[in-house]
N, C-alpha and C. Protein backbone atom coordinates (compact mmCIF):
# COMPACT_ATOMS: atom_id res chain seq x y z
N MET A 1 92.01 84.47 77.29
CA MET A 1 92.34 85.04 78.59
C MET A 1 92.61 83.92 79.58
N THR A 2 93.71 84.03 80.30
CA THR A 2 94.12 83.01 81.25
C THR A 2 93.67 83.39 82.65
N ALA A 3 93.13 82.44 83.40
CA ALA A 3 92.72 82.70 84.79
C ALA A 3 93.86 82.35 85.73
N TYR A 4 94.04 83.18 86.75
CA TYR A 4 95.08 82.95 87.75
C TYR A 4 94.45 82.95 89.12
N ALA A 5 95.02 82.18 90.04
CA ALA A 5 94.47 82.10 91.39
C ALA A 5 95.59 82.29 92.40
N LEU A 6 95.23 82.83 93.56
CA LEU A 6 96.17 82.99 94.66
C LEU A 6 95.72 82.14 95.83
N THR A 7 96.68 81.57 96.53
CA THR A 7 96.36 80.84 97.75
C THR A 7 95.93 81.82 98.83
N PRO A 8 94.77 81.62 99.47
CA PRO A 8 94.30 82.56 100.49
C PRO A 8 95.11 82.44 101.77
N LEU A 9 96.16 83.24 101.90
CA LEU A 9 97.04 83.16 103.05
C LEU A 9 96.46 83.84 104.29
N PHE A 10 95.40 84.63 104.12
CA PHE A 10 94.90 85.45 105.22
C PHE A 10 93.48 85.88 104.89
N THR A 11 92.81 86.45 105.87
CA THR A 11 91.48 87.02 105.67
C THR A 11 91.62 88.48 105.29
N LEU A 12 90.98 88.88 104.19
CA LEU A 12 91.07 90.27 103.76
C LEU A 12 90.46 91.18 104.81
N PRO A 13 91.15 92.25 105.19
CA PRO A 13 90.64 93.13 106.24
C PRO A 13 89.46 93.95 105.78
N GLY A 14 88.58 94.32 106.72
CA GLY A 14 87.47 95.20 106.43
C GLY A 14 87.93 96.64 106.42
N GLU A 15 87.08 97.53 105.92
CA GLU A 15 87.42 98.94 105.82
C GLU A 15 86.75 99.74 106.93
N LYS A 16 87.43 100.75 107.42
CA LYS A 16 86.87 101.63 108.44
C LYS A 16 85.96 102.68 107.83
N THR A 17 86.34 103.19 106.67
CA THR A 17 85.56 104.18 105.95
C THR A 17 85.36 103.67 104.54
N LYS A 18 84.16 103.73 104.04
CA LYS A 18 83.87 103.15 102.73
C LYS A 18 84.60 103.89 101.62
N HIS A 19 85.02 103.12 100.64
CA HIS A 19 85.56 103.67 99.40
C HIS A 19 84.77 103.00 98.29
N PRO A 20 84.16 103.78 97.39
CA PRO A 20 83.24 103.20 96.42
C PRO A 20 83.90 102.47 95.25
N ALA A 21 85.23 102.51 95.16
CA ALA A 21 85.88 101.91 93.99
C ALA A 21 87.22 101.30 94.35
N LYS A 22 87.27 100.54 95.43
CA LYS A 22 88.52 99.89 95.82
C LYS A 22 88.80 98.73 94.87
N TYR A 23 90.06 98.25 94.88
CA TYR A 23 90.42 97.14 94.02
C TYR A 23 89.50 95.95 94.26
N THR A 24 89.04 95.34 93.19
CA THR A 24 88.31 94.09 93.27
C THR A 24 89.31 92.96 93.51
N ASP A 25 88.98 92.04 94.42
CA ASP A 25 89.90 90.97 94.78
C ASP A 25 90.33 90.15 93.56
N ALA A 26 89.45 90.04 92.57
CA ALA A 26 89.76 89.24 91.39
C ALA A 26 90.93 89.81 90.59
N LEU A 27 91.30 91.07 90.82
CA LEU A 27 92.41 91.67 90.09
C LEU A 27 93.77 91.28 90.66
N LEU A 28 93.80 90.91 91.93
CA LEU A 28 95.08 90.70 92.62
C LEU A 28 95.97 89.65 91.97
N PRO A 29 95.44 88.50 91.49
CA PRO A 29 96.34 87.53 90.85
C PRO A 29 97.09 88.11 89.65
N SER A 30 96.41 88.93 88.85
CA SER A 30 97.10 89.53 87.70
C SER A 30 98.16 90.51 88.15
N PHE A 31 97.86 91.29 89.19
CA PHE A 31 98.87 92.21 89.73
C PHE A 31 100.12 91.44 90.16
N VAL A 32 99.91 90.38 90.93
CA VAL A 32 101.04 89.60 91.46
C VAL A 32 101.87 89.02 90.33
N ARG A 33 101.21 88.44 89.36
CA ARG A 33 101.95 87.83 88.23
C ARG A 33 102.79 88.86 87.50
N MET A 34 102.23 90.05 87.27
CA MET A 34 102.92 91.07 86.49
C MET A 34 104.03 91.77 87.28
N LEU A 35 103.98 91.68 88.62
CA LEU A 35 104.93 92.40 89.45
C LEU A 35 106.03 91.52 90.04
N ARG A 36 105.98 90.23 89.78
CA ARG A 36 107.01 89.35 90.34
C ARG A 36 108.39 89.81 89.89
N GLY A 37 109.33 89.84 90.84
CA GLY A 37 110.69 90.27 90.56
C GLY A 37 110.93 91.74 90.86
N CYS A 38 109.85 92.52 91.06
CA CYS A 38 110.02 93.93 91.41
C CYS A 38 110.33 94.04 92.91
N THR A 39 111.08 95.06 93.27
CA THR A 39 111.47 95.23 94.66
C THR A 39 110.86 96.46 95.32
N ARG A 40 110.51 97.47 94.52
CA ARG A 40 109.89 98.67 95.09
C ARG A 40 108.78 99.14 94.17
N ILE A 41 107.57 99.24 94.73
CA ILE A 41 106.36 99.48 93.95
C ILE A 41 105.63 100.70 94.51
N LEU A 42 105.07 101.51 93.63
CA LEU A 42 104.31 102.70 94.02
C LEU A 42 102.90 102.63 93.48
N ASP A 43 101.92 102.99 94.33
CA ASP A 43 100.56 103.25 93.89
C ASP A 43 100.28 104.73 94.13
N PRO A 44 100.27 105.57 93.08
CA PRO A 44 100.05 107.00 93.27
C PRO A 44 98.60 107.39 93.51
N PHE A 45 97.66 106.46 93.31
CA PHE A 45 96.25 106.68 93.61
C PHE A 45 95.84 105.63 94.66
N GLY A 46 96.36 105.79 95.87
CA GLY A 46 96.37 104.69 96.84
C GLY A 46 95.06 104.34 97.50
N GLY A 47 94.07 105.25 97.53
CA GLY A 47 92.82 104.93 98.18
C GLY A 47 93.01 104.51 99.62
N THR A 48 92.39 103.41 100.00
CA THR A 48 92.47 102.92 101.38
C THR A 48 93.64 101.97 101.60
N GLY A 49 94.53 101.85 100.63
CA GLY A 49 95.75 101.07 100.83
C GLY A 49 95.65 99.60 100.50
N LYS A 50 94.70 99.23 99.66
CA LYS A 50 94.56 97.81 99.36
C LYS A 50 95.76 97.26 98.59
N VAL A 51 96.52 98.13 97.95
CA VAL A 51 97.72 97.67 97.23
C VAL A 51 98.69 96.96 98.16
N PHE A 52 98.66 97.28 99.46
CA PHE A 52 99.60 96.66 100.39
C PHE A 52 99.31 95.17 100.60
N LEU A 53 98.15 94.68 100.18
CA LEU A 53 97.89 93.25 100.24
C LEU A 53 98.88 92.46 99.40
N LEU A 54 99.47 93.11 98.39
CA LEU A 54 100.43 92.42 97.54
C LEU A 54 101.66 91.96 98.31
N GLU A 55 101.93 92.56 99.45
CA GLU A 55 103.09 92.15 100.25
C GLU A 55 102.99 90.70 100.69
N TYR A 56 101.78 90.17 100.81
CA TYR A 56 101.60 88.78 101.25
C TYR A 56 102.09 87.79 100.19
N TRP A 57 102.00 88.16 98.91
CA TRP A 57 102.40 87.26 97.83
C TRP A 57 103.72 87.63 97.19
N LEU A 58 104.24 88.81 97.52
CA LEU A 58 105.52 89.26 96.98
C LEU A 58 106.46 89.55 98.15
N PRO A 59 106.93 88.53 98.83
CA PRO A 59 107.75 88.75 100.03
C PRO A 59 109.00 89.54 99.72
N GLY A 60 109.31 90.47 100.61
CA GLY A 60 110.50 91.30 100.46
C GLY A 60 110.29 92.57 99.66
N VAL A 61 109.12 92.71 99.03
CA VAL A 61 108.86 93.90 98.24
C VAL A 61 108.59 95.09 99.16
N GLN A 62 108.98 96.28 98.74
CA GLN A 62 108.65 97.51 99.45
C GLN A 62 107.60 98.25 98.64
N ILE A 63 106.46 98.54 99.27
CA ILE A 63 105.36 99.20 98.59
C ILE A 63 105.12 100.56 99.24
N ASP A 64 104.93 101.57 98.40
CA ASP A 64 104.53 102.90 98.85
C ASP A 64 103.23 103.26 98.15
N ALA A 65 102.41 104.06 98.83
CA ALA A 65 101.17 104.53 98.24
C ALA A 65 100.95 105.98 98.62
N VAL A 66 100.32 106.72 97.73
CA VAL A 66 99.96 108.12 97.95
C VAL A 66 98.46 108.25 97.79
N GLU A 67 97.83 108.96 98.72
CA GLU A 67 96.39 109.22 98.64
C GLU A 67 96.13 110.67 99.05
N ILE A 68 95.29 111.34 98.29
CA ILE A 68 95.08 112.77 98.49
C ILE A 68 93.98 113.09 99.50
N GLU A 69 93.07 112.14 99.76
CA GLU A 69 91.98 112.39 100.70
C GLU A 69 92.36 111.83 102.07
N PRO A 70 92.38 112.66 103.12
CA PRO A 70 92.87 112.23 104.43
C PRO A 70 92.13 111.04 105.02
N GLU A 71 90.82 110.97 104.83
CA GLU A 71 90.04 109.88 105.42
C GLU A 71 90.48 108.52 104.87
N TRP A 72 90.82 108.46 103.61
CA TRP A 72 91.24 107.20 103.02
C TRP A 72 92.72 106.94 103.28
N ALA A 73 93.54 107.98 103.23
CA ALA A 73 94.97 107.80 103.51
C ALA A 73 95.20 107.27 104.92
N ALA A 74 94.35 107.67 105.86
CA ALA A 74 94.53 107.28 107.27
C ALA A 74 94.25 105.81 107.51
N GLN A 75 93.71 105.10 106.54
CA GLN A 75 93.32 103.71 106.76
C GLN A 75 94.48 102.73 106.67
N HIS A 76 95.64 103.17 106.20
CA HIS A 76 96.80 102.28 106.22
C HIS A 76 98.01 103.08 106.66
N PRO A 77 98.76 102.58 107.64
CA PRO A 77 99.86 103.36 108.21
C PRO A 77 101.00 103.63 107.23
N LYS A 78 101.10 102.86 106.16
CA LYS A 78 102.18 103.09 105.20
C LYS A 78 101.79 104.04 104.07
N THR A 79 100.54 104.46 104.03
CA THR A 79 100.10 105.37 102.98
C THR A 79 100.57 106.79 103.27
N THR A 80 101.08 107.46 102.26
CA THR A 80 101.50 108.85 102.37
C THR A 80 100.36 109.76 101.94
N LEU A 81 99.98 110.70 102.77
CA LEU A 81 99.00 111.71 102.38
C LEU A 81 99.69 112.67 101.43
N GLY A 82 99.25 112.71 100.19
CA GLY A 82 99.95 113.53 99.22
C GLY A 82 99.20 113.60 97.91
N ASN A 83 99.90 114.05 96.88
CA ASN A 83 99.29 114.39 95.60
C ASN A 83 100.01 113.63 94.48
N ALA A 84 99.26 112.90 93.67
CA ALA A 84 99.86 112.12 92.58
C ALA A 84 100.53 113.00 91.54
N LEU A 85 100.18 114.29 91.51
CA LEU A 85 100.80 115.20 90.55
C LEU A 85 102.15 115.72 91.03
N TYR A 86 102.44 115.55 92.32
CA TYR A 86 103.68 116.06 92.92
C TYR A 86 104.21 115.03 93.91
N LEU A 87 104.78 113.96 93.40
CA LEU A 87 105.21 112.85 94.24
C LEU A 87 106.48 113.22 95.01
N PRO A 88 106.59 112.81 96.26
CA PRO A 88 107.70 113.23 97.13
C PRO A 88 108.94 112.34 97.05
N TRP A 89 109.24 111.80 95.88
CA TRP A 89 110.41 110.95 95.71
C TRP A 89 111.26 111.46 94.55
N PRO A 90 112.56 111.24 94.60
CA PRO A 90 113.42 111.65 93.49
C PRO A 90 113.20 110.76 92.27
N ALA A 91 113.75 111.19 91.16
CA ALA A 91 113.61 110.44 89.91
C ALA A 91 114.18 109.03 90.05
N ALA A 92 113.56 108.10 89.31
CA ALA A 92 114.04 106.72 89.20
C ALA A 92 114.11 106.00 90.54
N THR A 93 113.13 106.24 91.41
CA THR A 93 113.10 105.59 92.73
C THR A 93 112.50 104.19 92.65
N PHE A 94 111.51 103.98 91.80
CA PHE A 94 110.71 102.74 91.80
C PHE A 94 110.99 101.91 90.56
N ASP A 95 110.84 100.60 90.71
CA ASP A 95 110.93 99.76 89.53
C ASP A 95 109.56 99.30 89.04
N ALA A 96 108.49 99.73 89.73
CA ALA A 96 107.15 99.43 89.25
C ALA A 96 106.14 100.43 89.82
N VAL A 97 105.15 100.73 89.01
CA VAL A 97 103.97 101.47 89.45
C VAL A 97 102.77 100.56 89.23
N CYS A 98 101.95 100.40 90.24
CA CYS A 98 100.74 99.59 90.14
C CYS A 98 99.58 100.43 90.65
N THR A 99 98.62 100.74 89.78
CA THR A 99 97.61 101.69 90.21
C THR A 99 96.34 101.57 89.39
N SER A 100 95.28 102.19 89.91
CA SER A 100 94.00 102.25 89.23
C SER A 100 93.46 103.67 89.34
N PRO A 101 93.55 104.44 88.27
CA PRO A 101 92.98 105.79 88.31
C PRO A 101 91.46 105.73 88.26
N ALA A 102 90.83 106.83 88.59
CA ALA A 102 89.37 106.92 88.42
C ALA A 102 89.04 106.73 86.94
N TYR A 103 87.86 106.20 86.68
CA TYR A 103 87.51 105.81 85.31
C TYR A 103 86.82 106.91 84.51
N GLY A 104 86.54 108.06 85.13
CA GLY A 104 85.85 109.13 84.42
C GLY A 104 84.37 108.89 84.24
N ASN A 105 83.79 108.01 85.06
CA ASN A 105 82.37 107.69 84.94
C ASN A 105 81.54 108.49 85.96
N ARG A 106 80.30 108.06 86.20
CA ARG A 106 79.42 108.83 87.08
C ARG A 106 79.83 108.79 88.54
N MET A 107 80.86 107.99 88.87
CA MET A 107 81.41 108.05 90.22
C MET A 107 81.99 109.42 90.52
N ALA A 108 82.22 110.21 89.47
CA ALA A 108 82.78 111.55 89.63
C ALA A 108 81.71 112.60 89.91
N ASP A 109 80.45 112.21 89.95
CA ASP A 109 79.39 113.18 90.21
C ASP A 109 79.63 113.90 91.53
N ALA A 110 79.28 115.17 91.57
CA ALA A 110 79.42 115.96 92.79
C ALA A 110 78.33 115.57 93.78
N LEU A 111 78.41 116.12 94.99
CA LEU A 111 77.37 115.88 95.99
C LEU A 111 76.04 116.39 95.47
N LEU A 112 75.03 115.54 95.53
CA LEU A 112 73.70 115.90 95.05
C LEU A 112 72.67 115.60 96.12
N SER A 113 71.68 116.45 96.23
CA SER A 113 70.58 116.24 97.17
C SER A 113 69.34 115.90 96.36
N ASP A 114 69.03 114.63 96.26
CA ASP A 114 67.82 114.21 95.56
C ASP A 114 67.35 112.90 96.16
N VAL A 115 66.34 112.33 95.56
CA VAL A 115 65.72 111.13 96.14
C VAL A 115 66.51 109.87 95.80
N TYR A 116 67.50 109.96 94.94
CA TYR A 116 68.23 108.79 94.51
C TYR A 116 69.52 108.63 95.30
N LYS A 117 69.87 107.40 95.59
CA LYS A 117 71.15 107.13 96.23
C LYS A 117 72.23 107.17 95.17
N ARG A 118 73.18 108.09 95.32
CA ARG A 118 74.28 108.21 94.38
C ARG A 118 75.55 107.70 95.05
N ARG A 119 76.06 106.59 94.59
CA ARG A 119 77.31 106.08 95.16
C ARG A 119 78.46 106.67 94.37
N THR A 120 79.05 107.72 94.90
CA THR A 120 80.13 108.43 94.25
C THR A 120 81.26 108.62 95.25
N TYR A 121 82.41 109.09 94.75
CA TYR A 121 83.52 109.40 95.67
C TYR A 121 83.09 110.46 96.67
N ALA A 122 82.45 111.51 96.20
CA ALA A 122 82.05 112.60 97.09
C ALA A 122 80.99 112.16 98.09
N SER A 123 80.05 111.32 97.65
CA SER A 123 78.99 110.91 98.57
C SER A 123 79.53 110.04 99.70
N GLU A 124 80.54 109.23 99.42
CA GLU A 124 81.10 108.38 100.47
C GLU A 124 81.86 109.20 101.51
N LEU A 125 82.44 110.32 101.09
CA LEU A 125 83.13 111.20 102.03
C LEU A 125 82.21 112.27 102.61
N ALA A 126 81.03 112.41 102.02
CA ALA A 126 80.06 113.43 102.45
C ALA A 126 80.64 114.84 102.33
N ARG A 127 81.45 115.05 101.32
CA ARG A 127 82.03 116.37 101.04
C ARG A 127 82.60 116.35 99.64
N GLU A 128 82.93 117.53 99.14
CA GLU A 128 83.57 117.61 97.84
C GLU A 128 85.01 117.11 97.92
N LEU A 129 85.53 116.64 96.80
CA LEU A 129 86.88 116.10 96.76
C LEU A 129 87.91 117.22 96.63
N HIS A 130 89.16 116.87 96.95
CA HIS A 130 90.28 117.79 96.76
C HIS A 130 90.35 118.21 95.29
N PRO A 131 90.69 119.47 95.00
CA PRO A 131 90.74 119.92 93.60
C PRO A 131 91.68 119.11 92.71
N ASP A 132 92.71 118.49 93.28
CA ASP A 132 93.64 117.68 92.48
C ASP A 132 93.32 116.19 92.54
N ASN A 133 92.10 115.84 92.90
CA ASN A 133 91.68 114.44 92.90
C ASN A 133 91.05 114.14 91.53
N GLY A 134 91.65 113.20 90.80
CA GLY A 134 91.12 112.82 89.50
C GLY A 134 89.74 112.21 89.57
N GLY A 135 89.33 111.77 90.77
CA GLY A 135 88.02 111.19 90.94
C GLY A 135 86.88 112.18 90.79
N ARG A 136 87.17 113.45 90.73
CA ARG A 136 86.11 114.46 90.55
C ARG A 136 85.91 114.82 89.09
N LEU A 137 86.66 114.21 88.18
CA LEU A 137 86.64 114.58 86.77
C LEU A 137 85.84 113.58 85.93
N GLN A 138 84.86 114.09 85.22
CA GLN A 138 84.14 113.27 84.24
C GLN A 138 85.04 113.05 83.02
N TRP A 139 84.76 111.97 82.30
CA TRP A 139 85.50 111.68 81.08
C TRP A 139 85.40 112.87 80.11
N GLY A 140 86.55 113.37 79.68
CA GLY A 140 86.59 114.53 78.80
C GLY A 140 87.98 115.15 78.81
N ASP A 141 88.08 116.36 78.28
CA ASP A 141 89.40 116.99 78.12
C ASP A 141 90.12 117.21 79.44
N ARG A 142 89.40 117.66 80.47
CA ARG A 142 90.05 117.90 81.77
C ARG A 142 90.55 116.60 82.38
N TYR A 143 89.76 115.54 82.26
CA TYR A 143 90.18 114.22 82.75
C TYR A 143 91.46 113.80 82.04
N ARG A 144 91.49 113.94 80.73
CA ARG A 144 92.65 113.48 79.97
C ARG A 144 93.89 114.32 80.29
N ALA A 145 93.73 115.63 80.41
CA ALA A 145 94.88 116.48 80.74
C ALA A 145 95.44 116.15 82.12
N PHE A 146 94.55 115.92 83.08
CA PHE A 146 94.98 115.55 84.44
C PHE A 146 95.82 114.28 84.41
N HIS A 147 95.36 113.27 83.69
CA HIS A 147 96.06 111.99 83.72
C HIS A 147 97.35 112.00 82.90
N VAL A 148 97.46 112.84 81.88
CA VAL A 148 98.76 113.00 81.23
C VAL A 148 99.77 113.54 82.24
N ASP A 149 99.35 114.53 83.06
CA ASP A 149 100.24 115.06 84.09
C ASP A 149 100.59 113.98 85.13
N ALA A 150 99.59 113.21 85.55
CA ALA A 150 99.84 112.17 86.55
C ALA A 150 100.77 111.09 86.01
N TRP A 151 100.57 110.68 84.76
CA TRP A 151 101.44 109.63 84.19
C TRP A 151 102.84 110.16 83.93
N THR A 152 102.96 111.44 83.60
CA THR A 152 104.29 112.03 83.43
C THR A 152 105.05 112.03 84.76
N GLU A 153 104.34 112.34 85.83
CA GLU A 153 104.97 112.34 87.15
C GLU A 153 105.32 110.91 87.59
N ALA A 154 104.44 109.97 87.31
CA ALA A 154 104.73 108.57 87.63
C ALA A 154 105.96 108.09 86.86
N ARG A 155 106.07 108.49 85.60
CA ARG A 155 107.24 108.10 84.81
C ARG A 155 108.52 108.69 85.39
N ARG A 156 108.42 109.89 85.94
CA ARG A 156 109.61 110.54 86.52
C ARG A 156 110.22 109.69 87.62
N VAL A 157 109.39 109.10 88.48
CA VAL A 157 109.90 108.35 89.62
C VAL A 157 110.13 106.87 89.29
N LEU A 158 109.88 106.48 88.05
CA LEU A 158 110.06 105.10 87.62
C LEU A 158 111.40 104.94 86.92
N ARG A 159 112.10 103.88 87.27
CA ARG A 159 113.41 103.62 86.65
C ARG A 159 113.23 103.21 85.18
N PRO A 160 114.19 103.54 84.32
CA PRO A 160 114.14 103.04 82.94
C PRO A 160 114.03 101.52 82.93
N GLY A 161 113.16 101.01 82.10
CA GLY A 161 112.89 99.58 82.07
C GLY A 161 111.89 99.13 83.11
N GLY A 162 111.39 100.08 83.92
CA GLY A 162 110.42 99.75 84.97
C GLY A 162 109.05 99.40 84.40
N ARG A 163 108.22 98.86 85.27
CA ARG A 163 106.90 98.38 84.84
C ARG A 163 105.79 99.30 85.33
N MET A 164 104.76 99.41 84.51
CA MET A 164 103.51 100.05 84.90
C MET A 164 102.41 99.00 84.80
N VAL A 165 101.74 98.72 85.93
CA VAL A 165 100.60 97.82 85.93
C VAL A 165 99.37 98.69 86.16
N LEU A 166 98.53 98.78 85.14
CA LEU A 166 97.39 99.70 85.13
C LEU A 166 96.08 98.93 85.15
N ASN A 167 95.24 99.25 86.12
CA ASN A 167 93.87 98.73 86.16
C ASN A 167 92.93 99.83 85.71
N ILE A 168 92.14 99.58 84.66
CA ILE A 168 91.27 100.60 84.10
C ILE A 168 90.03 99.92 83.50
N LYS A 169 88.99 100.70 83.27
CA LYS A 169 87.74 100.13 82.75
C LYS A 169 87.02 101.15 81.89
N ASP A 170 86.44 100.68 80.79
CA ASP A 170 85.56 101.51 79.97
C ASP A 170 84.20 101.65 80.65
N HIS A 171 83.38 102.57 80.17
CA HIS A 171 82.03 102.69 80.69
C HIS A 171 81.09 103.18 79.59
N ILE A 172 79.80 103.10 79.89
CA ILE A 172 78.76 103.53 78.96
C ILE A 172 78.28 104.91 79.37
N ARG A 173 78.23 105.83 78.43
CA ARG A 173 77.70 107.18 78.68
C ARG A 173 76.72 107.52 77.56
N ASP A 174 75.46 107.80 77.95
CA ASP A 174 74.42 108.11 76.97
C ASP A 174 74.31 107.02 75.91
N GLY A 175 74.44 105.78 76.37
CA GLY A 175 74.29 104.64 75.47
C GLY A 175 75.49 104.32 74.61
N LYS A 176 76.58 105.06 74.77
CA LYS A 176 77.76 104.85 73.93
C LYS A 176 78.95 104.42 74.78
N LEU A 177 79.72 103.49 74.24
CA LEU A 177 80.92 103.03 74.94
C LEU A 177 81.98 104.12 74.92
N GLN A 178 82.49 104.45 76.10
CA GLN A 178 83.59 105.41 76.23
C GLN A 178 84.89 104.62 76.36
N ARG A 179 85.77 104.79 75.40
CA ARG A 179 86.98 103.96 75.31
C ARG A 179 88.11 104.54 76.17
N VAL A 180 87.88 104.51 77.47
CA VAL A 180 88.84 105.04 78.43
C VAL A 180 90.13 104.22 78.42
N THR A 181 90.00 102.91 78.30
CA THR A 181 91.16 102.02 78.32
C THR A 181 92.10 102.31 77.16
N ASP A 182 91.55 102.45 75.97
CA ASP A 182 92.39 102.74 74.80
C ASP A 182 93.11 104.07 74.97
N TRP A 183 92.41 105.05 75.54
CA TRP A 183 93.05 106.36 75.70
C TRP A 183 94.24 106.27 76.65
N HIS A 184 94.06 105.64 77.82
CA HIS A 184 95.16 105.52 78.77
C HIS A 184 96.34 104.76 78.16
N THR A 185 96.04 103.70 77.44
CA THR A 185 97.10 102.92 76.82
C THR A 185 97.89 103.77 75.83
N GLN A 186 97.20 104.56 75.03
CA GLN A 186 97.88 105.41 74.06
C GLN A 186 98.66 106.53 74.75
N ALA A 187 98.08 107.12 75.81
CA ALA A 187 98.77 108.19 76.54
C ALA A 187 100.08 107.68 77.13
N LEU A 188 100.07 106.47 77.68
CA LEU A 188 101.29 105.90 78.25
C LEU A 188 102.28 105.52 77.16
N THR A 189 101.79 105.04 76.04
CA THR A 189 102.66 104.74 74.91
C THR A 189 103.37 106.01 74.43
N ASP A 190 102.62 107.11 74.38
CA ASP A 190 103.21 108.38 73.96
C ASP A 190 104.29 108.86 74.93
N LEU A 191 104.23 108.41 76.18
CA LEU A 191 105.22 108.79 77.19
C LEU A 191 106.41 107.83 77.24
N GLY A 192 106.43 106.86 76.35
CA GLY A 192 107.59 105.98 76.27
C GLY A 192 107.39 104.59 76.82
N PHE A 193 106.14 104.20 77.11
CA PHE A 193 105.85 102.86 77.60
C PHE A 193 105.49 101.94 76.43
N VAL A 194 105.73 100.65 76.62
CA VAL A 194 105.40 99.64 75.62
C VAL A 194 104.51 98.59 76.29
N VAL A 195 103.38 98.28 75.67
CA VAL A 195 102.46 97.28 76.21
C VAL A 195 103.08 95.89 76.11
N GLN A 196 103.06 95.16 77.24
CA GLN A 196 103.59 93.80 77.29
C GLN A 196 102.50 92.75 77.47
N ASP A 197 101.39 93.14 78.10
CA ASP A 197 100.32 92.17 78.37
C ASP A 197 99.04 92.94 78.66
N HIS A 198 97.91 92.32 78.38
CA HIS A 198 96.61 92.92 78.65
C HIS A 198 95.65 91.80 79.02
N VAL A 199 95.22 91.81 80.28
CA VAL A 199 94.31 90.78 80.79
C VAL A 199 92.97 91.43 81.08
N LYS A 200 91.89 90.77 80.67
CA LYS A 200 90.53 91.23 80.97
C LYS A 200 89.95 90.35 82.08
N VAL A 201 89.58 90.99 83.19
CA VAL A 201 89.11 90.28 84.38
C VAL A 201 87.61 90.55 84.55
N ASN A 202 86.83 89.49 84.72
CA ASN A 202 85.39 89.65 84.85
C ASN A 202 85.04 90.40 86.13
N CYS A 203 84.52 91.61 85.99
CA CYS A 203 84.11 92.46 87.10
C CYS A 203 82.88 93.23 86.65
N PRO A 204 81.69 92.66 86.81
CA PRO A 204 80.49 93.28 86.23
C PRO A 204 80.18 94.67 86.75
N GLY A 205 80.51 94.98 87.99
CA GLY A 205 80.20 96.30 88.55
C GLY A 205 78.78 96.40 89.04
N MET A 206 78.43 97.61 89.47
CA MET A 206 77.10 97.85 90.03
C MET A 206 76.04 97.79 88.94
N ARG A 207 74.87 97.28 89.29
CA ARG A 207 73.81 97.08 88.31
C ARG A 207 72.59 97.94 88.63
N PHE A 208 72.83 99.17 89.06
CA PHE A 208 71.72 100.09 89.28
C PHE A 208 72.11 101.44 88.72
N GLY A 209 71.14 102.35 88.64
CA GLY A 209 71.40 103.67 88.10
C GLY A 209 71.30 103.68 86.58
N ARG A 210 71.58 104.85 85.99
CA ARG A 210 71.54 104.98 84.55
C ARG A 210 72.55 104.03 83.92
N ASN A 211 72.16 103.38 82.82
CA ASN A 211 72.98 102.38 82.13
C ASN A 211 73.22 101.13 82.97
N GLY A 212 72.37 100.92 84.01
CA GLY A 212 72.56 99.78 84.91
C GLY A 212 72.54 98.44 84.21
N ASN A 213 71.81 98.35 83.09
CA ASN A 213 71.71 97.08 82.38
C ASN A 213 72.72 96.96 81.23
N THR A 214 73.57 97.96 81.08
CA THR A 214 74.52 97.95 79.96
C THR A 214 75.94 98.20 80.45
N ARG A 215 76.29 97.68 81.62
CA ARG A 215 77.64 97.88 82.14
C ARG A 215 78.67 97.09 81.33
N VAL A 216 79.86 97.61 81.24
CA VAL A 216 81.00 96.84 80.72
C VAL A 216 81.35 95.81 81.79
N ASP A 217 81.38 94.54 81.42
CA ASP A 217 81.43 93.47 82.43
C ASP A 217 82.84 92.98 82.73
N TYR A 218 83.86 93.76 82.36
CA TYR A 218 85.22 93.36 82.71
C TYR A 218 86.06 94.62 82.97
N GLU A 219 87.16 94.42 83.71
CA GLU A 219 88.16 95.45 83.90
C GLU A 219 89.46 94.97 83.26
N SER A 220 90.24 95.91 82.80
CA SER A 220 91.53 95.57 82.18
C SER A 220 92.66 95.73 83.19
N VAL A 221 93.61 94.81 83.14
CA VAL A 221 94.88 94.96 83.83
C VAL A 221 95.94 94.90 82.74
N ILE A 222 96.67 96.00 82.58
CA ILE A 222 97.60 96.16 81.47
C ILE A 222 99.02 96.30 82.02
N LEU A 223 99.92 95.51 81.52
CA LEU A 223 101.33 95.60 81.88
C LEU A 223 102.06 96.35 80.77
N LEU A 224 102.73 97.45 81.16
CA LEU A 224 103.55 98.22 80.23
C LEU A 224 104.96 98.33 80.80
N GLU A 225 105.92 98.51 79.92
CA GLU A 225 107.32 98.66 80.35
C GLU A 225 107.86 99.97 79.82
N LEU A 226 108.56 100.71 80.67
CA LEU A 226 109.15 101.98 80.28
C LEU A 226 110.43 101.73 79.48
N ARG A 227 110.43 102.23 78.25
CA ARG A 227 111.62 102.04 77.41
C ARG A 227 112.85 102.64 78.08
N ASN A 228 113.97 102.00 77.91
CA ASN A 228 115.21 102.48 78.52
C ASN A 228 115.62 103.85 77.97
N ASP A 229 115.18 104.18 76.75
CA ASP A 229 115.58 105.45 76.15
C ASP A 229 114.55 106.55 76.40
N ALA A 230 113.48 106.24 77.17
CA ALA A 230 112.46 107.26 77.46
C ALA A 230 113.03 108.27 78.44
N LYS A 231 112.88 109.54 78.13
CA LYS A 231 113.43 110.61 78.96
C LYS A 231 112.40 111.05 79.98
N ALA A 232 112.78 110.97 81.26
CA ALA A 232 111.88 111.44 82.33
C ALA A 232 111.89 112.97 82.35
N ARG A 233 110.69 113.55 82.44
CA ARG A 233 110.58 115.00 82.52
C ARG A 233 110.20 115.41 83.93
N SER A 234 110.79 116.48 84.42
CA SER A 234 110.40 117.01 85.74
C SER A 234 109.02 117.61 85.63
N HIS A 235 108.24 117.50 86.73
CA HIS A 235 106.86 117.97 86.69
C HIS A 235 106.80 119.43 87.07
């Protein structure tokens, strides 16, 4: 695994409203390297808009992001409040998608009233998530079906030969490794993408709660390319 570094051109901005799973800064060098030469990039799971930091290292690039929860979408003026399953752009608009879907781990737990602090998507918003938010889905059939739909829609707006830069992570459930990364890679391959690169970035994650001592200590950044002969399907 090769390490990459970025020159700190600016101070990273703070957040107005907490998001429990924003991009880790250590991922940004891999994003930049994999996206060089792209001119228009989409993040369909935009969160608080951290993807727009890439503009500092990719001058001239146009970035769009979609976020389904209003509190997080409001944190960046370029973020579109919308739904990753129904993107508001015509086919073949973008030459790259750069995104990080929810991992299907315990961050998807619903609001709970107990003595334990649960750092989840719902707890940070103090309400239940939108029904079409993948962050509410535990790893399983519903999670997988949702993301096949989301990746099909992302492929629709991606130009043939375009790039997909995917940040994803496995997790431990009941003592067993859940191979979320392999599933996403295969799902995208089935949709006509070809893996070009796979970088593992050291990101230990939170060390409390169930399985706190058995976390997967890295996140994957995977570069895939959409085959020119892959047929985009309308959603």
